[in-house]
N, C-alpha and C. Protein backbone atom coordinates (compact mmCIF):
# COMPACT_ATOMS: atom_id res chain seq x y z
N UNK A 1 89.96 185.66 117.85
CA UNK A 1 90.18 185.63 119.29
C UNK A 1 91.34 186.52 119.69
N UNK A 2 92.38 186.62 118.87
CA UNK A 2 93.55 187.38 119.26
C UNK A 2 93.27 188.87 119.41
N UNK A 3 92.17 189.39 118.84
CA UNK A 3 91.87 190.81 118.96
C UNK A 3 91.45 191.19 120.37
N UNK A 4 91.10 190.23 121.20
CA UNK A 4 90.70 190.51 122.57
C UNK A 4 91.86 190.31 123.55
N UNK A 5 93.06 190.24 123.04
CA UNK A 5 94.24 189.99 123.87
C UNK A 5 94.85 191.32 124.32
N UNK A 6 95.28 191.34 125.57
CA UNK A 6 95.99 192.48 126.13
C UNK A 6 97.36 191.98 126.58
N UNK A 7 98.41 192.75 126.30
CA UNK A 7 99.78 192.37 126.68
C UNK A 7 100.25 193.21 127.85
N UNK A 8 101.04 192.58 128.70
CA UNK A 8 101.68 193.31 129.80
C UNK A 8 102.99 192.60 130.14
N UNK A 9 103.85 193.30 130.85
CA UNK A 9 105.10 192.70 131.33
C UNK A 9 104.84 191.97 132.63
N UNK A 10 105.50 190.86 132.78
CA UNK A 10 105.37 190.05 134.00
C UNK A 10 106.10 190.72 135.16
N UNK A 11 105.62 190.42 136.34
CA UNK A 11 106.30 190.82 137.57
C UNK A 11 106.63 189.55 138.35
N UNK A 12 107.38 189.70 139.42
CA UNK A 12 107.73 188.51 140.22
C UNK A 12 106.48 187.86 140.82
N UNK A 13 105.39 188.59 140.95
CA UNK A 13 104.13 188.01 141.44
C UNK A 13 103.54 187.00 140.46
N UNK A 14 103.98 187.02 139.21
CA UNK A 14 103.44 186.14 138.17
C UNK A 14 104.19 184.82 138.03
N UNK A 15 105.27 184.62 138.79
CA UNK A 15 106.14 183.46 138.57
C UNK A 15 105.38 182.13 138.67
N UNK A 16 104.58 181.93 139.68
CA UNK A 16 103.87 180.64 139.84
C UNK A 16 102.90 180.39 138.69
N UNK A 17 102.13 181.40 138.32
CA UNK A 17 101.16 181.24 137.23
C UNK A 17 101.87 181.01 135.90
N UNK A 18 102.98 181.71 135.66
CA UNK A 18 103.74 181.52 134.43
C UNK A 18 104.36 180.13 134.36
N UNK A 19 104.91 179.67 135.46
CA UNK A 19 105.51 178.32 135.50
C UNK A 19 104.45 177.28 135.14
N UNK A 20 103.27 177.43 135.68
CA UNK A 20 102.16 176.52 135.39
C UNK A 20 101.75 176.59 133.92
N UNK A 21 101.63 177.80 133.38
CA UNK A 21 101.25 177.98 131.98
C UNK A 21 102.27 177.32 131.06
N UNK A 22 103.54 177.59 131.26
CA UNK A 22 104.58 177.05 130.38
C UNK A 22 104.62 175.53 130.47
N UNK A 23 104.53 175.00 131.66
CA UNK A 23 104.54 173.54 131.83
C UNK A 23 103.33 172.91 131.14
N UNK A 24 102.15 173.52 131.26
CA UNK A 24 100.94 172.96 130.64
C UNK A 24 101.03 172.92 129.12
N UNK A 25 101.79 173.83 128.54
CA UNK A 25 101.90 173.88 127.08
C UNK A 25 102.90 172.87 126.53
N UNK A 26 103.85 172.42 127.36
CA UNK A 26 104.92 171.57 126.84
C UNK A 26 105.06 170.20 127.48
N UNK A 27 104.65 170.04 128.71
CA UNK A 27 104.94 168.79 129.43
C UNK A 27 103.66 168.17 129.98
N UNK A 28 103.70 166.86 130.13
CA UNK A 28 102.61 166.14 130.76
C UNK A 28 101.40 165.98 129.86
N UNK A 29 100.39 165.34 130.39
CA UNK A 29 99.19 165.01 129.63
C UNK A 29 98.43 166.24 129.14
N UNK A 30 98.38 167.30 129.96
CA UNK A 30 97.63 168.49 129.54
C UNK A 30 98.20 169.08 128.25
N UNK A 31 99.51 168.94 128.04
CA UNK A 31 100.13 169.51 126.84
C UNK A 31 99.70 168.79 125.57
N UNK A 32 99.22 167.57 125.69
CA UNK A 32 98.85 166.78 124.51
C UNK A 32 97.60 167.31 123.81
N UNK A 33 96.84 168.19 124.46
CA UNK A 33 95.67 168.76 123.78
C UNK A 33 96.07 169.88 122.83
N UNK A 34 97.33 170.31 122.86
CA UNK A 34 97.85 171.30 121.93
C UNK A 34 98.87 170.65 121.02
N UNK A 35 99.36 171.41 120.06
CA UNK A 35 100.32 170.83 119.11
C UNK A 35 101.77 171.13 119.48
N UNK A 36 102.03 171.89 120.53
CA UNK A 36 103.40 172.25 120.90
C UNK A 36 104.01 171.30 121.94
N UNK A 37 103.33 170.25 122.27
CA UNK A 37 103.79 169.36 123.33
C UNK A 37 105.20 168.81 123.08
N UNK A 38 105.95 168.70 124.17
CA UNK A 38 107.24 168.03 124.16
C UNK A 38 107.18 166.77 125.02
N UNK A 39 105.96 166.33 125.34
CA UNK A 39 105.77 165.22 126.28
C UNK A 39 106.44 163.93 125.83
N UNK A 40 106.60 163.73 124.53
CA UNK A 40 107.28 162.53 124.05
C UNK A 40 108.80 162.68 124.04
N UNK A 41 109.27 163.90 124.25
CA UNK A 41 110.71 164.17 124.23
C UNK A 41 111.30 164.37 125.61
N UNK A 42 110.52 165.00 126.52
CA UNK A 42 111.04 165.40 127.82
C UNK A 42 110.00 165.26 128.91
N UNK A 43 110.46 164.99 130.11
CA UNK A 43 109.64 165.04 131.33
C UNK A 43 110.16 166.18 132.19
N UNK A 44 109.47 166.43 133.28
CA UNK A 44 109.96 167.40 134.26
C UNK A 44 109.60 168.83 133.93
N UNK A 45 110.34 169.74 134.56
CA UNK A 45 110.08 171.17 134.40
C UNK A 45 110.37 171.64 132.99
N UNK A 46 109.67 172.66 132.56
CA UNK A 46 110.00 173.36 131.31
C UNK A 46 110.73 174.65 131.63
N UNK A 47 110.41 175.24 132.80
CA UNK A 47 111.10 176.44 133.26
C UNK A 47 111.20 176.38 134.78
N UNK A 48 112.36 176.64 135.29
CA UNK A 48 112.55 176.67 136.74
C UNK A 48 112.12 178.04 137.26
N UNK A 49 111.34 178.08 138.33
CA UNK A 49 110.90 179.38 138.88
C UNK A 49 112.04 180.36 139.14
N UNK A 50 113.19 179.88 139.61
CA UNK A 50 114.31 180.78 139.88
C UNK A 50 114.85 181.41 138.59
N UNK A 51 114.90 180.63 137.51
CA UNK A 51 115.35 181.14 136.22
C UNK A 51 114.36 182.18 135.71
N UNK A 52 113.07 181.88 135.82
CA UNK A 52 112.03 182.80 135.39
C UNK A 52 112.10 184.11 136.17
N UNK A 53 112.24 184.03 137.46
CA UNK A 53 112.34 185.24 138.30
C UNK A 53 113.54 186.09 137.87
N UNK A 54 114.66 185.45 137.61
CA UNK A 54 115.86 186.17 137.16
C UNK A 54 115.61 186.84 135.81
N UNK A 55 114.91 186.16 134.90
CA UNK A 55 114.59 186.76 133.59
C UNK A 55 113.71 187.99 133.75
N UNK A 56 112.76 187.95 134.68
CA UNK A 56 111.87 189.08 134.92
C UNK A 56 112.64 190.27 135.48
N UNK A 57 113.62 190.01 136.33
CA UNK A 57 114.29 191.07 137.07
C UNK A 57 115.51 191.67 136.37
N UNK A 58 116.10 190.98 135.39
CA UNK A 58 117.35 191.52 134.81
C UNK A 58 117.07 192.59 133.76
N UNK A 59 118.03 193.50 133.58
CA UNK A 59 117.89 194.57 132.58
C UNK A 59 117.83 194.00 131.16
N UNK A 60 117.18 194.72 130.28
CA UNK A 60 117.06 194.34 128.86
C UNK A 60 116.47 192.95 128.69
N UNK A 61 115.54 192.60 129.55
CA UNK A 61 114.86 191.31 129.53
C UNK A 61 113.40 191.54 129.88
N UNK A 62 112.50 191.07 129.02
CA UNK A 62 111.07 191.27 129.24
C UNK A 62 110.33 189.95 129.10
N UNK A 63 109.63 189.55 130.15
CA UNK A 63 108.71 188.43 130.06
C UNK A 63 107.35 189.05 129.80
N UNK A 64 106.74 188.65 128.69
CA UNK A 64 105.49 189.22 128.22
C UNK A 64 104.36 188.24 128.51
N UNK A 65 103.26 188.78 129.01
CA UNK A 65 102.07 187.98 129.27
C UNK A 65 100.95 188.47 128.36
N UNK A 66 100.23 187.53 127.77
CA UNK A 66 99.01 187.85 127.03
C UNK A 66 97.84 187.44 127.90
N UNK A 67 96.93 188.36 128.09
CA UNK A 67 95.74 188.10 128.89
C UNK A 67 94.49 188.32 128.05
N UNK A 68 93.48 187.55 128.38
CA UNK A 68 92.17 187.71 127.75
C UNK A 68 91.25 188.28 128.81
N UNK A 69 90.76 189.50 128.61
CA UNK A 69 89.89 190.11 129.61
C UNK A 69 88.67 189.24 129.89
N UNK A 70 88.33 189.11 131.16
CA UNK A 70 87.16 188.36 131.57
C UNK A 70 86.24 189.23 132.40
N UNK A 71 85.28 188.62 133.06
CA UNK A 71 84.32 189.38 133.86
C UNK A 71 85.02 190.22 134.91
N UNK A 72 85.72 189.58 135.84
CA UNK A 72 86.40 190.33 136.89
C UNK A 72 87.89 190.02 136.94
N UNK A 73 88.34 189.12 136.05
CA UNK A 73 89.76 188.76 136.04
C UNK A 73 90.28 188.82 134.62
N UNK A 74 91.56 188.71 134.49
CA UNK A 74 92.20 188.62 133.18
C UNK A 74 92.87 187.26 133.13
N UNK A 75 92.39 186.40 132.22
CA UNK A 75 92.95 185.06 132.10
C UNK A 75 94.28 185.12 131.36
N UNK A 76 95.34 184.56 131.96
CA UNK A 76 96.65 184.48 131.33
C UNK A 76 96.59 183.36 130.28
N UNK A 77 96.75 183.73 129.00
CA UNK A 77 96.59 182.75 127.93
C UNK A 77 97.89 182.42 127.19
N UNK A 78 98.90 183.29 127.31
CA UNK A 78 100.17 183.05 126.60
C UNK A 78 101.26 183.87 127.25
N UNK A 79 102.51 183.48 126.94
CA UNK A 79 103.66 184.23 127.43
C UNK A 79 104.84 184.00 126.50
N UNK A 80 105.82 184.87 126.65
CA UNK A 80 107.08 184.73 125.92
C UNK A 80 108.12 185.57 126.64
N UNK A 81 109.36 185.33 126.30
CA UNK A 81 110.48 186.08 126.89
C UNK A 81 111.34 186.62 125.76
N UNK A 82 111.67 187.90 125.82
CA UNK A 82 112.64 188.49 124.90
C UNK A 82 113.71 189.18 125.73
N UNK A 83 114.94 189.11 125.25
CA UNK A 83 116.05 189.72 125.98
C UNK A 83 117.17 190.06 125.01
N UNK A 84 117.95 191.04 125.40
CA UNK A 84 119.14 191.39 124.62
C UNK A 84 120.17 190.26 124.80
N UNK A 85 120.71 189.82 123.69
CA UNK A 85 121.78 188.81 123.69
C UNK A 85 122.82 189.29 122.69
N UNK A 86 123.74 190.11 123.17
CA UNK A 86 124.72 190.72 122.28
C UNK A 86 124.03 191.74 121.39
N UNK A 87 124.20 191.60 120.06
CA UNK A 87 123.60 192.56 119.13
C UNK A 87 122.29 192.05 118.52
N UNK A 88 121.69 191.05 119.15
CA UNK A 88 120.40 190.52 118.69
C UNK A 88 119.50 190.29 119.90
N UNK A 89 118.22 190.13 119.62
CA UNK A 89 117.29 189.74 120.67
C UNK A 89 117.22 188.23 120.73
N UNK A 90 116.89 187.71 121.90
CA UNK A 90 116.67 186.27 122.05
C UNK A 90 115.22 186.08 122.45
N UNK A 91 114.54 185.15 121.79
CA UNK A 91 113.13 184.84 122.03
C UNK A 91 113.02 183.45 122.61
N UNK A 92 112.28 183.30 123.69
CA UNK A 92 112.10 181.98 124.28
C UNK A 92 110.91 181.94 125.21
N UNK A 93 110.76 180.83 125.90
CA UNK A 93 109.68 180.59 126.87
C UNK A 93 108.31 180.92 126.28
N UNK A 94 108.13 180.63 125.02
CA UNK A 94 106.89 180.93 124.29
C UNK A 94 105.88 179.82 124.59
N UNK A 95 104.75 180.20 125.13
CA UNK A 95 103.73 179.21 125.47
C UNK A 95 102.34 179.79 125.29
N UNK A 96 101.44 178.96 124.78
CA UNK A 96 100.01 179.29 124.66
C UNK A 96 99.26 178.14 125.31
N UNK A 97 98.24 178.47 126.09
CA UNK A 97 97.43 177.41 126.70
C UNK A 97 97.06 176.38 125.62
N UNK A 98 97.25 175.09 125.89
CA UNK A 98 97.05 174.07 124.86
C UNK A 98 95.68 174.12 124.18
N UNK A 99 94.62 174.32 124.93
CA UNK A 99 93.28 174.30 124.35
C UNK A 99 92.95 175.57 123.57
N UNK A 100 93.86 176.56 123.61
CA UNK A 100 93.66 177.80 122.84
C UNK A 100 94.61 177.90 121.65
N UNK A 101 95.45 176.89 121.46
CA UNK A 101 96.39 176.91 120.34
C UNK A 101 95.62 176.79 119.02
N UNK A 102 96.12 177.47 118.00
CA UNK A 102 95.47 177.43 116.70
C UNK A 102 94.42 178.51 116.51
N UNK A 103 94.35 179.48 117.42
CA UNK A 103 93.35 180.56 117.34
C UNK A 103 93.98 181.94 117.14
N UNK A 104 95.25 182.00 116.79
CA UNK A 104 95.90 183.28 116.51
C UNK A 104 96.58 183.92 117.70
N UNK A 105 96.46 183.35 118.88
CA UNK A 105 97.08 183.94 120.07
C UNK A 105 98.60 183.88 119.96
N UNK A 106 99.13 182.76 119.51
CA UNK A 106 100.57 182.62 119.37
C UNK A 106 101.13 183.59 118.35
N UNK A 107 100.45 183.75 117.25
CA UNK A 107 100.92 184.69 116.22
C UNK A 107 100.91 186.12 116.76
N UNK A 108 99.87 186.48 117.54
CA UNK A 108 99.81 187.82 118.15
C UNK A 108 100.93 188.00 119.17
N UNK A 109 101.21 186.96 119.95
CA UNK A 109 102.28 187.04 120.95
C UNK A 109 103.64 187.20 120.27
N UNK A 110 103.88 186.43 119.20
CA UNK A 110 105.14 186.54 118.48
C UNK A 110 105.30 187.94 117.90
N UNK A 111 104.24 188.50 117.34
CA UNK A 111 104.29 189.87 116.79
C UNK A 111 104.62 190.88 117.88
N UNK A 112 104.04 190.72 119.07
CA UNK A 112 104.33 191.63 120.17
C UNK A 112 105.78 191.48 120.62
N UNK A 113 106.29 190.27 120.66
CA UNK A 113 107.69 190.05 121.04
C UNK A 113 108.62 190.69 120.01
N UNK A 114 108.30 190.56 118.74
CA UNK A 114 109.11 191.19 117.70
C UNK A 114 109.06 192.71 117.83
N UNK A 115 107.87 193.27 118.06
CA UNK A 115 107.73 194.71 118.23
C UNK A 115 108.57 195.19 119.42
N UNK A 116 108.47 194.50 120.54
CA UNK A 116 109.19 194.89 121.74
C UNK A 116 110.71 194.81 121.51
N UNK A 117 111.15 193.77 120.84
CA UNK A 117 112.58 193.62 120.55
C UNK A 117 113.08 194.78 119.70
N UNK A 118 112.32 195.11 118.68
CA UNK A 118 112.74 196.17 117.76
C UNK A 118 112.59 197.56 118.37
N UNK A 119 111.41 197.86 118.92
CA UNK A 119 111.13 199.22 119.39
C UNK A 119 111.68 199.52 120.78
N UNK A 120 111.59 198.58 121.69
CA UNK A 120 112.00 198.86 123.07
C UNK A 120 113.44 198.46 123.36
N UNK A 121 113.92 197.39 122.75
CA UNK A 121 115.31 196.99 122.95
C UNK A 121 116.22 197.55 121.85
N UNK A 122 115.61 198.07 120.77
CA UNK A 122 116.38 198.69 119.70
C UNK A 122 117.22 197.72 118.89
N UNK A 123 116.74 196.50 118.73
CA UNK A 123 117.51 195.46 118.04
C UNK A 123 116.88 195.13 116.69
N UNK A 124 117.72 194.78 115.73
CA UNK A 124 117.27 194.52 114.35
C UNK A 124 117.03 193.04 114.06
N UNK A 125 117.51 192.15 114.94
CA UNK A 125 117.37 190.71 114.69
C UNK A 125 116.82 190.03 115.94
N UNK A 126 116.05 188.98 115.70
CA UNK A 126 115.54 188.16 116.79
C UNK A 126 115.95 186.73 116.52
N UNK A 127 116.56 186.09 117.52
CA UNK A 127 117.04 184.71 117.40
C UNK A 127 116.32 183.83 118.42
N UNK A 128 116.29 182.57 118.15
CA UNK A 128 115.70 181.60 119.07
C UNK A 128 116.34 180.25 118.86
N UNK A 129 116.14 179.37 119.82
CA UNK A 129 116.57 177.99 119.66
C UNK A 129 115.34 177.10 119.78
N UNK A 130 115.28 176.09 118.91
CA UNK A 130 114.17 175.15 118.89
C UNK A 130 114.77 173.75 118.81
N UNK A 131 114.24 172.82 119.59
CA UNK A 131 114.71 171.43 119.50
C UNK A 131 114.57 170.99 118.05
N UNK A 132 115.65 170.55 117.44
CA UNK A 132 115.66 170.37 115.99
C UNK A 132 114.78 169.25 115.46
N UNK A 133 114.31 168.35 116.32
CA UNK A 133 113.37 167.32 115.86
C UNK A 133 111.93 167.83 115.86
N UNK A 134 111.71 169.06 116.29
CA UNK A 134 110.38 169.68 116.30
C UNK A 134 110.10 170.33 114.94
N UNK A 135 110.03 169.52 113.90
CA UNK A 135 109.93 170.02 112.53
C UNK A 135 108.67 170.84 112.29
N UNK A 136 107.56 170.44 112.86
CA UNK A 136 106.31 171.19 112.68
C UNK A 136 106.42 172.59 113.30
N UNK A 137 107.06 172.68 114.45
CA UNK A 137 107.24 173.97 115.11
C UNK A 137 108.22 174.84 114.32
N UNK A 138 109.30 174.27 113.85
CA UNK A 138 110.25 175.03 113.03
C UNK A 138 109.56 175.55 111.77
N UNK A 139 108.73 174.72 111.14
CA UNK A 139 107.99 175.14 109.94
C UNK A 139 107.05 176.31 110.27
N UNK A 140 106.43 176.30 111.45
CA UNK A 140 105.55 177.40 111.87
C UNK A 140 106.35 178.70 111.92
N UNK A 141 107.54 178.65 112.51
CA UNK A 141 108.38 179.85 112.57
C UNK A 141 108.85 180.27 111.17
N UNK A 142 109.19 179.31 110.33
CA UNK A 142 109.64 179.65 108.97
C UNK A 142 108.54 180.35 108.19
N UNK A 143 107.28 179.96 108.39
CA UNK A 143 106.16 180.64 107.73
C UNK A 143 106.01 182.08 108.21
N UNK A 144 106.63 182.40 109.33
CA UNK A 144 106.57 183.76 109.88
C UNK A 144 107.88 184.52 109.68
N UNK A 145 108.70 184.06 108.76
CA UNK A 145 109.89 184.80 108.36
C UNK A 145 111.20 184.40 109.02
N UNK A 146 111.19 183.40 109.88
CA UNK A 146 112.43 182.93 110.51
C UNK A 146 113.11 181.94 109.59
N UNK A 147 114.42 181.86 109.70
CA UNK A 147 115.17 180.88 108.92
C UNK A 147 116.21 180.22 109.81
N UNK A 148 116.57 179.01 109.44
CA UNK A 148 117.63 178.30 110.15
C UNK A 148 118.96 178.96 109.81
N UNK A 149 119.78 179.16 110.81
CA UNK A 149 121.09 179.79 110.59
C UNK A 149 122.16 178.76 110.23
N UNK A 150 121.87 177.49 110.44
CA UNK A 150 122.87 176.44 110.26
C UNK A 150 123.64 176.16 111.53
N UNK A 151 123.37 176.95 112.58
CA UNK A 151 124.02 176.76 113.88
C UNK A 151 123.18 175.80 114.72
N UNK A 152 123.86 175.05 115.57
CA UNK A 152 123.20 174.18 116.53
C UNK A 152 123.84 174.39 117.89
N UNK A 153 123.05 174.19 118.92
CA UNK A 153 123.56 174.24 120.29
C UNK A 153 123.20 172.93 120.97
N UNK A 154 124.07 172.45 121.84
CA UNK A 154 123.79 171.18 122.51
C UNK A 154 122.63 171.31 123.50
N UNK A 155 121.91 170.22 123.67
CA UNK A 155 120.87 170.18 124.70
C UNK A 155 121.57 170.03 126.05
N UNK A 156 121.10 170.73 127.08
CA UNK A 156 121.77 170.67 128.39
C UNK A 156 121.41 169.40 129.18
N UNK A 157 121.87 168.26 128.67
CA UNK A 157 121.64 167.00 129.37
C UNK A 157 122.20 167.10 130.79
N UNK A 158 121.45 166.56 131.75
CA UNK A 158 121.91 166.54 133.13
C UNK A 158 121.52 167.77 133.92
N UNK A 159 120.94 168.79 133.28
CA UNK A 159 120.50 169.99 133.97
C UNK A 159 118.99 169.93 134.12
N UNK A 160 118.52 169.55 135.29
CA UNK A 160 117.09 169.33 135.54
C UNK A 160 116.25 170.58 135.32
N UNK A 161 116.86 171.76 135.29
CA UNK A 161 116.10 172.99 135.03
C UNK A 161 115.47 172.99 133.66
N UNK A 162 115.95 172.12 132.76
CA UNK A 162 115.44 172.07 131.40
C UNK A 162 114.66 170.79 131.11
N UNK A 163 114.43 169.99 132.12
CA UNK A 163 113.66 168.77 131.95
C UNK A 163 114.54 167.53 131.89
N UNK A 164 113.87 166.40 131.86
CA UNK A 164 114.54 165.11 131.80
C UNK A 164 114.32 164.52 130.41
N UNK A 165 115.35 164.45 129.59
CA UNK A 165 115.19 163.95 128.21
C UNK A 165 114.79 162.48 128.18
N UNK A 166 113.95 162.14 127.21
CA UNK A 166 113.54 160.75 126.99
C UNK A 166 114.32 160.13 125.83
N UNK A 167 115.20 160.92 125.21
CA UNK A 167 116.03 160.42 124.12
C UNK A 167 117.39 161.10 124.18
N UNK A 168 118.35 160.52 123.49
CA UNK A 168 119.73 161.02 123.61
C UNK A 168 120.22 161.79 122.38
N UNK A 169 119.30 162.17 121.49
CA UNK A 169 119.71 162.85 120.25
C UNK A 169 119.19 164.28 120.15
N UNK A 170 118.88 164.91 121.28
CA UNK A 170 118.31 166.25 121.24
C UNK A 170 119.40 167.31 121.12
N UNK A 171 119.11 168.31 120.33
CA UNK A 171 119.95 169.50 120.21
C UNK A 171 119.05 170.63 119.74
N UNK A 172 119.56 171.85 119.81
CA UNK A 172 118.80 173.03 119.42
C UNK A 172 119.27 173.56 118.07
N UNK A 173 118.32 173.83 117.19
CA UNK A 173 118.60 174.56 115.96
C UNK A 173 118.40 176.04 116.26
N UNK A 174 119.27 176.89 115.72
CA UNK A 174 119.14 178.33 115.90
C UNK A 174 118.39 178.91 114.71
N UNK A 175 117.33 179.67 114.99
CA UNK A 175 116.55 180.34 113.97
C UNK A 175 116.70 181.85 114.17
N UNK A 176 116.53 182.60 113.09
CA UNK A 176 116.71 184.05 113.17
C UNK A 176 115.80 184.76 112.17
N UNK A 177 115.43 185.99 112.53
CA UNK A 177 114.64 186.84 111.64
C UNK A 177 115.16 188.27 111.76
N UNK A 178 115.24 188.96 110.63
CA UNK A 178 115.56 190.38 110.63
C UNK A 178 114.24 191.14 110.81
N UNK A 179 114.21 192.04 111.78
CA UNK A 179 113.01 192.79 112.10
C UNK A 179 112.99 194.10 111.33
N UNK A 180 111.81 194.53 110.95
CA UNK A 180 111.67 195.80 110.21
C UNK A 180 111.17 196.88 111.14
């Protein structure tokens, strides 16, 4: 399925559709049909439209959309965000439609994000943060060459832009990969 994917950069016209895609992959009942759900960990937004718009518009920041060509439209099936963060790239907002997870779309999106970070941003490393209790997701990244750095970042409790936590022990593990 991933061979029929086309990538493009998001524009501000894509904010509503992207917000919906990201939320469907992580929050609420629709997310439970995929394996990336955070529905048991968090409620609320996964990405605030204002934050997304700022990510699209700032320099050295690319929101990538994966589309599957259709009859007269292109269905948005996945997205991710890469940006310069000091001397490394930062990867986030990675989402694949729940009912399409497990078909290679996520792996293709991650490869495109790595390519863009290395070739277009000129960076040798890509870093990300993952909620550390998401062991299956961390293992997925480790199978693709990422490793835990041993660093942790606190979860932004009280900031509704990141959702409403259902537990009080959340934090982010930092993962990193050297790009070739």
